[in-house]
Amino acid sequence: MDRTRALTHGLYPTRMRSGDARSVLLELAKQVGIRFGVTVRTAFRGRFPAHSAHEILQVYRIAQEAISNAIRHGRAERIDLTLESRRDGMRLTVRDHGIGLPSDPSARQGIGLQIMQHRAAQIGAKIQIGDAPRRGVLVALHYQPSAPL
């Protein structure tokens, strides 16, 4: 039953309507733990403005794809997800402690990475995907929510 519920929440998180990106990211972390047994540590820093449902959906899906890639390709057993408010906007980071990106550049052009870039463009965001210090992958999304900071 827990796995079915986790799958359902992954398709459309019920908290999406609240206007608070933190609640959907917390739900995502919880559901990943239930479905895959992987620990997702969350951290939230700063003042969080309201986000549109569209922004929340794109941020959620980017985090979901980054976590999925970390588990499936990076074999990560621990993932850190951080959302912070900065002077220049919001920053979402997903850092896994897996094996990192493949050394072959052509293997770094998967559809999941392209979809994350497309989703970032949908909200006028910049996304960087690369090797994390020491090991793993770091996905960093910088965006300006529709509400003023």
N, C-alpha and C. Protein backbone atom coordinates (compact mmCIF):
# COMPACT_ATOMS: atom_id res chain seq x y z
N MET A 1 0.83 -1.19 0.00
CA MET A 1 0.00 0.00 0.00
C MET A 1 0.87 1.26 0.00
N ASP A 2 1.95 1.24 0.81
CA ASP A 2 2.85 2.40 0.86
C ASP A 2 3.50 2.65 -0.49
N ARG A 3 3.89 1.60 -1.18
CA ARG A 3 4.52 1.76 -2.49
C ARG A 3 3.53 2.31 -3.52
N THR A 4 2.29 1.85 -3.48
CA THR A 4 1.27 2.36 -4.40
C THR A 4 1.02 3.84 -4.13
N ARG A 5 0.93 4.20 -2.87
CA ARG A 5 0.73 5.60 -2.51
C ARG A 5 1.92 6.45 -2.96
N ALA A 6 3.14 5.94 -2.79
CA ALA A 6 4.35 6.65 -3.21
C ALA A 6 4.35 6.88 -4.72
N LEU A 7 3.94 5.86 -5.47
CA LEU A 7 3.88 5.99 -6.92
C LEU A 7 2.85 7.05 -7.31
N THR A 8 1.70 7.03 -6.69
CA THR A 8 0.65 8.00 -6.98
C THR A 8 1.12 9.41 -6.69
N HIS A 9 1.76 9.62 -5.54
CA HIS A 9 2.26 10.95 -5.18
C HIS A 9 3.34 11.41 -6.14
N GLY A 10 4.10 10.47 -6.68
CA GLY A 10 5.13 10.82 -7.66
C GLY A 10 4.56 11.33 -8.96
N LEU A 11 3.38 10.85 -9.32
CA LEU A 11 2.76 11.29 -10.56
C LEU A 11 2.20 12.70 -10.43
N TYR A 12 1.58 13.00 -9.31
CA TYR A 12 1.07 14.35 -9.09
C TYR A 12 1.00 14.60 -7.59
N PRO A 13 1.97 15.33 -7.06
CA PRO A 13 1.99 15.58 -5.62
C PRO A 13 0.78 16.43 -5.19
N THR A 14 0.08 15.98 -4.19
CA THR A 14 -1.15 16.66 -3.76
C THR A 14 -0.86 18.04 -3.16
N ARG A 15 0.31 18.26 -2.62
CA ARG A 15 0.63 19.54 -2.00
C ARG A 15 0.98 20.61 -3.02
N MET A 16 0.97 20.27 -4.29
CA MET A 16 1.34 21.19 -5.36
C MET A 16 0.52 22.47 -5.32
N ARG A 17 -0.69 22.38 -4.87
CA ARG A 17 -1.59 23.53 -4.89
C ARG A 17 -1.32 24.53 -3.79
N SER A 18 -0.48 24.20 -2.84
CA SER A 18 -0.32 25.05 -1.67
C SER A 18 0.48 26.32 -1.93
N GLY A 19 1.27 26.38 -3.02
CA GLY A 19 2.10 27.55 -3.29
C GLY A 19 3.42 27.53 -2.55
N ASP A 20 3.71 26.45 -1.84
CA ASP A 20 4.94 26.34 -1.07
C ASP A 20 5.77 25.20 -1.62
N ALA A 21 6.91 25.54 -2.23
CA ALA A 21 7.78 24.53 -2.84
C ALA A 21 8.34 23.57 -1.80
N ARG A 22 8.51 24.02 -0.58
CA ARG A 22 9.10 23.15 0.45
C ARG A 22 8.27 21.91 0.72
N SER A 23 6.97 22.07 0.79
CA SER A 23 6.12 20.93 1.14
C SER A 23 6.18 19.82 0.10
N VAL A 24 6.24 20.17 -1.20
CA VAL A 24 6.31 19.12 -2.22
C VAL A 24 7.68 18.46 -2.23
N LEU A 25 8.72 19.21 -1.91
CA LEU A 25 10.06 18.62 -1.86
C LEU A 25 10.20 17.70 -0.65
N LEU A 26 9.60 18.07 0.45
CA LEU A 26 9.59 17.17 1.61
C LEU A 26 8.84 15.88 1.30
N GLU A 27 7.72 16.01 0.62
CA GLU A 27 6.94 14.84 0.23
C GLU A 27 7.75 13.96 -0.72
N LEU A 28 8.45 14.57 -1.66
CA LEU A 28 9.29 13.82 -2.59
C LEU A 28 10.35 13.03 -1.83
N ALA A 29 11.02 13.68 -0.89
CA ALA A 29 12.06 13.00 -0.10
C ALA A 29 11.48 11.81 0.66
N LYS A 30 10.32 12.00 1.23
CA LYS A 30 9.65 10.92 1.98
C LYS A 30 9.31 9.76 1.06
N GLN A 31 8.74 10.06 -0.10
CA GLN A 31 8.32 9.02 -1.04
C GLN A 31 9.51 8.25 -1.62
N VAL A 32 10.63 8.94 -1.83
CA VAL A 32 11.84 8.25 -2.32
C VAL A 32 12.32 7.25 -1.27
N GLY A 33 12.26 7.65 -0.01
CA GLY A 33 12.63 6.73 1.06
C GLY A 33 11.77 5.49 1.09
N ILE A 34 10.46 5.68 0.91
CA ILE A 34 9.52 4.56 0.93
C ILE A 34 9.73 3.66 -0.28
N ARG A 35 9.82 4.26 -1.46
CA ARG A 35 9.91 3.48 -2.70
C ARG A 35 11.25 2.81 -2.92
N PHE A 36 12.33 3.52 -2.59
CA PHE A 36 13.65 3.03 -2.97
C PHE A 36 14.58 2.75 -1.79
N GLY A 37 14.15 3.14 -0.59
CA GLY A 37 15.01 2.92 0.57
C GLY A 37 16.25 3.80 0.58
N VAL A 38 16.20 4.91 -0.14
CA VAL A 38 17.32 5.84 -0.22
C VAL A 38 17.03 7.05 0.66
N THR A 39 18.01 7.45 1.45
CA THR A 39 17.85 8.61 2.32
C THR A 39 18.03 9.89 1.52
N VAL A 40 17.04 10.78 1.59
CA VAL A 40 17.13 12.11 1.00
C VAL A 40 17.08 13.11 2.14
N ARG A 41 18.21 13.73 2.42
CA ARG A 41 18.27 14.75 3.47
C ARG A 41 17.87 16.09 2.86
N THR A 42 16.96 16.79 3.54
CA THR A 42 16.48 18.07 3.03
C THR A 42 16.96 19.21 3.92
N ALA A 43 17.17 20.36 3.30
CA ALA A 43 17.53 21.57 4.03
C ALA A 43 16.86 22.74 3.32
N PHE A 44 16.30 23.64 4.10
CA PHE A 44 15.64 24.82 3.56
C PHE A 44 16.21 26.04 4.27
N ARG A 45 16.66 27.03 3.49
CA ARG A 45 17.30 28.20 4.09
C ARG A 45 16.71 29.48 3.51
N GLY A 46 16.46 30.42 4.39
CA GLY A 46 16.00 31.73 3.96
C GLY A 46 14.50 31.88 3.96
N ARG A 47 14.07 32.99 3.42
CA ARG A 47 12.65 33.35 3.32
C ARG A 47 12.12 32.85 1.98
N PHE A 48 10.98 32.17 2.02
CA PHE A 48 10.46 31.55 0.81
C PHE A 48 9.20 32.25 0.32
N PRO A 49 9.31 32.89 -0.83
CA PRO A 49 8.12 33.53 -1.41
C PRO A 49 7.19 32.47 -2.00
N ALA A 50 5.97 32.88 -2.23
CA ALA A 50 5.02 31.99 -2.88
C ALA A 50 5.50 31.70 -4.30
N HIS A 51 5.27 30.49 -4.73
CA HIS A 51 5.59 30.06 -6.09
C HIS A 51 4.27 29.77 -6.81
N SER A 52 4.27 29.97 -8.11
CA SER A 52 3.10 29.56 -8.89
C SER A 52 3.09 28.03 -8.96
N ALA A 53 1.92 27.48 -9.25
CA ALA A 53 1.80 26.02 -9.38
C ALA A 53 2.73 25.53 -10.50
N HIS A 54 2.86 26.29 -11.56
CA HIS A 54 3.75 25.92 -12.67
C HIS A 54 5.21 25.87 -12.20
N GLU A 55 5.64 26.87 -11.43
CA GLU A 55 7.01 26.87 -10.92
C GLU A 55 7.25 25.69 -9.99
N ILE A 56 6.31 25.44 -9.11
CA ILE A 56 6.45 24.32 -8.18
C ILE A 56 6.55 23.00 -8.95
N LEU A 57 5.72 22.83 -9.97
CA LEU A 57 5.75 21.61 -10.75
C LEU A 57 7.11 21.42 -11.42
N GLN A 58 7.65 22.48 -12.01
CA GLN A 58 8.95 22.36 -12.69
C GLN A 58 10.08 22.09 -11.70
N VAL A 59 10.09 22.77 -10.57
CA VAL A 59 11.12 22.54 -9.55
C VAL A 59 11.01 21.11 -9.03
N TYR A 60 9.79 20.67 -8.76
CA TYR A 60 9.56 19.30 -8.28
C TYR A 60 10.06 18.27 -9.29
N ARG A 61 9.69 18.44 -10.56
CA ARG A 61 10.06 17.46 -11.58
C ARG A 61 11.57 17.44 -11.82
N ILE A 62 12.22 18.60 -11.73
CA ILE A 62 13.68 18.63 -11.87
C ILE A 62 14.32 17.88 -10.71
N ALA A 63 13.85 18.13 -9.49
CA ALA A 63 14.38 17.41 -8.33
C ALA A 63 14.10 15.92 -8.46
N GLN A 64 12.92 15.56 -8.91
CA GLN A 64 12.53 14.16 -9.08
C GLN A 64 13.44 13.47 -10.10
N GLU A 65 13.71 14.12 -11.22
CA GLU A 65 14.57 13.54 -12.24
C GLU A 65 16.01 13.41 -11.74
N ALA A 66 16.50 14.43 -11.05
CA ALA A 66 17.86 14.38 -10.50
C ALA A 66 18.00 13.23 -9.51
N ILE A 67 17.00 13.05 -8.66
CA ILE A 67 17.02 11.97 -7.68
C ILE A 67 16.92 10.61 -8.38
N SER A 68 16.05 10.52 -9.36
CA SER A 68 15.90 9.28 -10.12
C SER A 68 17.21 8.90 -10.80
N ASN A 69 17.87 9.86 -11.42
CA ASN A 69 19.16 9.60 -12.06
C ASN A 69 20.21 9.16 -11.05
N ALA A 70 20.20 9.81 -9.88
CA ALA A 70 21.17 9.47 -8.83
C ALA A 70 21.01 8.02 -8.38
N ILE A 71 19.76 7.58 -8.27
CA ILE A 71 19.49 6.22 -7.82
C ILE A 71 19.78 5.22 -8.94
N ARG A 72 19.24 5.49 -10.11
CA ARG A 72 19.32 4.54 -11.22
C ARG A 72 20.72 4.45 -11.82
N HIS A 73 21.32 5.59 -12.11
CA HIS A 73 22.61 5.59 -12.80
C HIS A 73 23.79 5.75 -11.85
N GLY A 74 23.59 6.54 -10.79
CA GLY A 74 24.69 6.82 -9.88
C GLY A 74 24.79 5.88 -8.71
N ARG A 75 23.77 5.02 -8.56
CA ARG A 75 23.74 4.06 -7.46
C ARG A 75 23.93 4.74 -6.10
N ALA A 76 23.35 5.92 -5.95
CA ALA A 76 23.47 6.68 -4.71
C ALA A 76 22.60 6.06 -3.62
N GLU A 77 23.12 6.06 -2.43
CA GLU A 77 22.36 5.62 -1.26
C GLU A 77 22.00 6.78 -0.36
N ARG A 78 22.57 7.95 -0.64
CA ARG A 78 22.24 9.16 0.10
C ARG A 78 22.23 10.34 -0.87
N ILE A 79 21.23 11.19 -0.70
CA ILE A 79 21.07 12.36 -1.56
C ILE A 79 20.75 13.55 -0.66
N ASP A 80 21.36 14.70 -0.97
CA ASP A 80 21.08 15.94 -0.24
C ASP A 80 20.30 16.87 -1.17
N LEU A 81 19.15 17.34 -0.69
CA LEU A 81 18.30 18.25 -1.45
C LEU A 81 18.20 19.54 -0.64
N THR A 82 18.59 20.65 -1.24
CA THR A 82 18.57 21.94 -0.56
C THR A 82 17.83 22.96 -1.40
N LEU A 83 16.99 23.74 -0.74
CA LEU A 83 16.33 24.87 -1.38
C LEU A 83 16.64 26.09 -0.53
N GLU A 84 17.21 27.10 -1.17
CA GLU A 84 17.56 28.30 -0.40
C GLU A 84 17.20 29.56 -1.15
N SER A 85 16.80 30.54 -0.36
CA SER A 85 16.50 31.87 -0.88
C SER A 85 17.79 32.68 -0.82
N ARG A 86 18.12 33.33 -1.93
CA ARG A 86 19.32 34.15 -2.01
C ARG A 86 18.94 35.53 -2.51
N ARG A 87 19.87 36.43 -2.47
CA ARG A 87 19.58 37.79 -2.97
C ARG A 87 19.19 37.80 -4.43
N ASP A 88 19.77 36.89 -5.20
CA ASP A 88 19.52 36.86 -6.64
C ASP A 88 18.44 35.86 -7.04
N GLY A 89 17.69 35.34 -6.09
CA GLY A 89 16.62 34.39 -6.40
C GLY A 89 16.71 33.13 -5.57
N MET A 90 16.14 32.07 -6.08
CA MET A 90 16.11 30.80 -5.38
C MET A 90 17.15 29.86 -5.98
N ARG A 91 17.64 28.97 -5.15
CA ARG A 91 18.59 27.95 -5.62
C ARG A 91 18.17 26.60 -5.06
N LEU A 92 17.96 25.67 -5.96
CA LEU A 92 17.69 24.28 -5.61
C LEU A 92 18.95 23.49 -5.96
N THR A 93 19.43 22.69 -5.02
CA THR A 93 20.54 21.80 -5.33
C THR A 93 20.16 20.37 -4.94
N VAL A 94 20.54 19.46 -5.80
CA VAL A 94 20.39 18.04 -5.54
C VAL A 94 21.78 17.45 -5.71
N ARG A 95 22.34 16.99 -4.61
CA ARG A 95 23.69 16.42 -4.63
C ARG A 95 23.61 14.97 -4.19
N ASP A 96 24.10 14.10 -5.05
CA ASP A 96 24.10 12.70 -4.65
C ASP A 96 25.52 12.28 -4.29
N HIS A 97 25.61 11.17 -3.62
CA HIS A 97 26.90 10.63 -3.19
C HIS A 97 27.15 9.30 -3.89
N GLY A 98 26.81 9.28 -5.18
CA GLY A 98 26.95 8.07 -5.97
C GLY A 98 28.27 8.05 -6.73
N ILE A 99 28.25 7.39 -7.89
CA ILE A 99 29.49 7.17 -8.65
C ILE A 99 29.84 8.32 -9.59
N GLY A 100 28.98 9.30 -9.74
CA GLY A 100 29.27 10.44 -10.61
C GLY A 100 28.81 10.23 -12.03
N LEU A 101 29.11 11.23 -12.85
CA LEU A 101 28.72 11.18 -14.26
C LEU A 101 29.66 10.25 -15.03
N PRO A 102 29.16 9.67 -16.12
CA PRO A 102 30.03 8.82 -16.93
C PRO A 102 31.17 9.64 -17.55
N SER A 103 32.30 9.02 -17.75
CA SER A 103 33.43 9.74 -18.33
C SER A 103 33.24 10.00 -19.82
N ASP A 104 32.45 9.19 -20.49
CA ASP A 104 32.18 9.36 -21.92
C ASP A 104 31.19 10.52 -22.11
N PRO A 105 31.62 11.61 -22.79
CA PRO A 105 30.74 12.77 -22.97
C PRO A 105 29.41 12.45 -23.65
N SER A 106 29.40 11.48 -24.57
CA SER A 106 28.14 11.15 -25.26
C SER A 106 27.14 10.51 -24.31
N ALA A 107 27.62 9.87 -23.24
CA ALA A 107 26.73 9.26 -22.26
C ALA A 107 26.12 10.30 -21.33
N ARG A 108 26.60 11.52 -21.40
CA ARG A 108 26.09 12.61 -20.56
C ARG A 108 24.94 13.37 -21.23
N GLN A 109 24.47 12.89 -22.34
CA GLN A 109 23.43 13.59 -23.09
C GLN A 109 22.10 12.85 -23.07
N GLY A 110 21.80 12.17 -21.96
CA GLY A 110 20.57 11.41 -21.86
C GLY A 110 19.33 12.29 -21.90
N ILE A 111 18.21 11.67 -22.18
CA ILE A 111 16.95 12.40 -22.28
C ILE A 111 16.57 13.06 -20.96
N GLY A 112 16.90 12.41 -19.83
CA GLY A 112 16.58 13.00 -18.53
C GLY A 112 17.26 14.33 -18.31
N LEU A 113 18.52 14.44 -18.71
CA LEU A 113 19.25 15.70 -18.58
C LEU A 113 18.66 16.76 -19.49
N GLN A 114 18.27 16.36 -20.69
CA GLN A 114 17.64 17.30 -21.62
C GLN A 114 16.29 17.78 -21.09
N ILE A 115 15.54 16.88 -20.48
CA ILE A 115 14.24 17.27 -19.93
C ILE A 115 14.43 18.26 -18.77
N MET A 116 15.43 18.02 -17.92
CA MET A 116 15.68 18.97 -16.84
C MET A 116 16.02 20.35 -17.40
N GLN A 117 16.82 20.40 -18.46
CA GLN A 117 17.16 21.69 -19.07
C GLN A 117 15.92 22.36 -19.66
N HIS A 118 15.06 21.57 -20.28
CA HIS A 118 13.82 22.11 -20.84
C HIS A 118 12.91 22.66 -19.73
N ARG A 119 12.77 21.92 -18.65
CA ARG A 119 11.93 22.36 -17.53
C ARG A 119 12.49 23.64 -16.92
N ALA A 120 13.80 23.73 -16.80
CA ALA A 120 14.43 24.95 -16.27
C ALA A 120 14.09 26.15 -17.17
N ALA A 121 14.18 25.95 -18.47
CA ALA A 121 13.86 27.02 -19.42
C ALA A 121 12.40 27.46 -19.29
N GLN A 122 11.52 26.55 -18.94
CA GLN A 122 10.10 26.87 -18.79
C GLN A 122 9.84 27.92 -17.71
N ILE A 123 10.73 28.00 -16.72
CA ILE A 123 10.55 28.99 -15.65
C ILE A 123 11.66 30.05 -15.68
N GLY A 124 12.37 30.14 -16.78
CA GLY A 124 13.41 31.14 -16.93
C GLY A 124 14.60 30.90 -16.03
N ALA A 125 14.87 29.65 -15.72
CA ALA A 125 15.93 29.30 -14.78
C ALA A 125 17.19 28.87 -15.51
N LYS A 126 18.28 28.87 -14.76
CA LYS A 126 19.55 28.33 -15.25
C LYS A 126 19.82 27.06 -14.46
N ILE A 127 20.28 26.03 -15.16
CA ILE A 127 20.58 24.77 -14.50
C ILE A 127 21.99 24.34 -14.86
N GLN A 128 22.69 23.85 -13.86
CA GLN A 128 24.03 23.32 -14.05
C GLN A 128 24.05 21.89 -13.53
N ILE A 129 24.62 21.01 -14.32
CA ILE A 129 24.70 19.60 -13.95
C ILE A 129 26.15 19.17 -14.14
N GLY A 130 26.76 18.71 -13.07
CA GLY A 130 28.16 18.32 -13.18
C GLY A 130 28.58 17.44 -12.02
N ASP A 131 29.85 17.06 -12.06
CA ASP A 131 30.40 16.24 -10.98
C ASP A 131 30.46 17.05 -9.70
N ALA A 132 30.11 16.43 -8.60
CA ALA A 132 30.19 17.05 -7.28
C ALA A 132 31.62 16.89 -6.75
N PRO A 133 32.02 17.75 -5.83
CA PRO A 133 33.34 17.57 -5.23
C PRO A 133 33.46 16.19 -4.58
N ARG A 134 34.56 15.57 -4.72
CA ARG A 134 34.90 14.24 -4.19
C ARG A 134 34.21 13.11 -4.94
N ARG A 135 32.89 13.07 -4.99
CA ARG A 135 32.18 12.03 -5.74
C ARG A 135 30.72 12.41 -5.88
N GLY A 136 30.07 11.81 -6.85
CA GLY A 136 28.65 12.07 -7.06
C GLY A 136 28.40 13.14 -8.10
N VAL A 137 27.13 13.55 -8.17
CA VAL A 137 26.68 14.56 -9.14
C VAL A 137 26.00 15.69 -8.39
N LEU A 138 26.17 16.91 -8.90
CA LEU A 138 25.51 18.09 -8.34
C LEU A 138 24.66 18.72 -9.42
N VAL A 139 23.37 18.85 -9.13
CA VAL A 139 22.44 19.56 -10.00
C VAL A 139 22.06 20.84 -9.26
N ALA A 140 22.29 21.98 -9.91
CA ALA A 140 21.99 23.28 -9.29
C ALA A 140 21.06 24.07 -10.21
N LEU A 141 19.92 24.47 -9.67
CA LEU A 141 18.91 25.23 -10.41
C LEU A 141 18.80 26.61 -9.76
N HIS A 142 18.98 27.66 -10.57
CA HIS A 142 18.82 29.03 -10.10
C HIS A 142 17.61 29.64 -10.80
N TYR A 143 16.67 30.17 -10.03
CA TYR A 143 15.47 30.72 -10.63
C TYR A 143 14.92 31.86 -9.78
N GLN A 144 14.09 32.66 -10.41
CA GLN A 144 13.42 33.78 -9.77
C GLN A 144 11.93 33.44 -9.70
N PRO A 145 11.38 33.24 -8.51
CA PRO A 145 9.94 32.93 -8.42
C PRO A 145 9.11 34.12 -8.89
N SER A 146 7.87 33.86 -9.25
CA SER A 146 7.00 34.92 -9.78
C SER A 146 6.66 35.96 -8.71
N ALA A 147 6.67 35.57 -7.43
CA ALA A 147 6.42 36.52 -6.35
C ALA A 147 7.75 37.20 -6.01
N PRO A 148 7.73 38.49 -5.64
CA PRO A 148 8.99 39.17 -5.31
C PRO A 148 9.63 38.57 -4.05
N LEU A 149 10.97 38.58 -4.01
CA LEU A 149 11.68 38.06 -2.82
C LEU A 149 11.60 39.03 -1.69
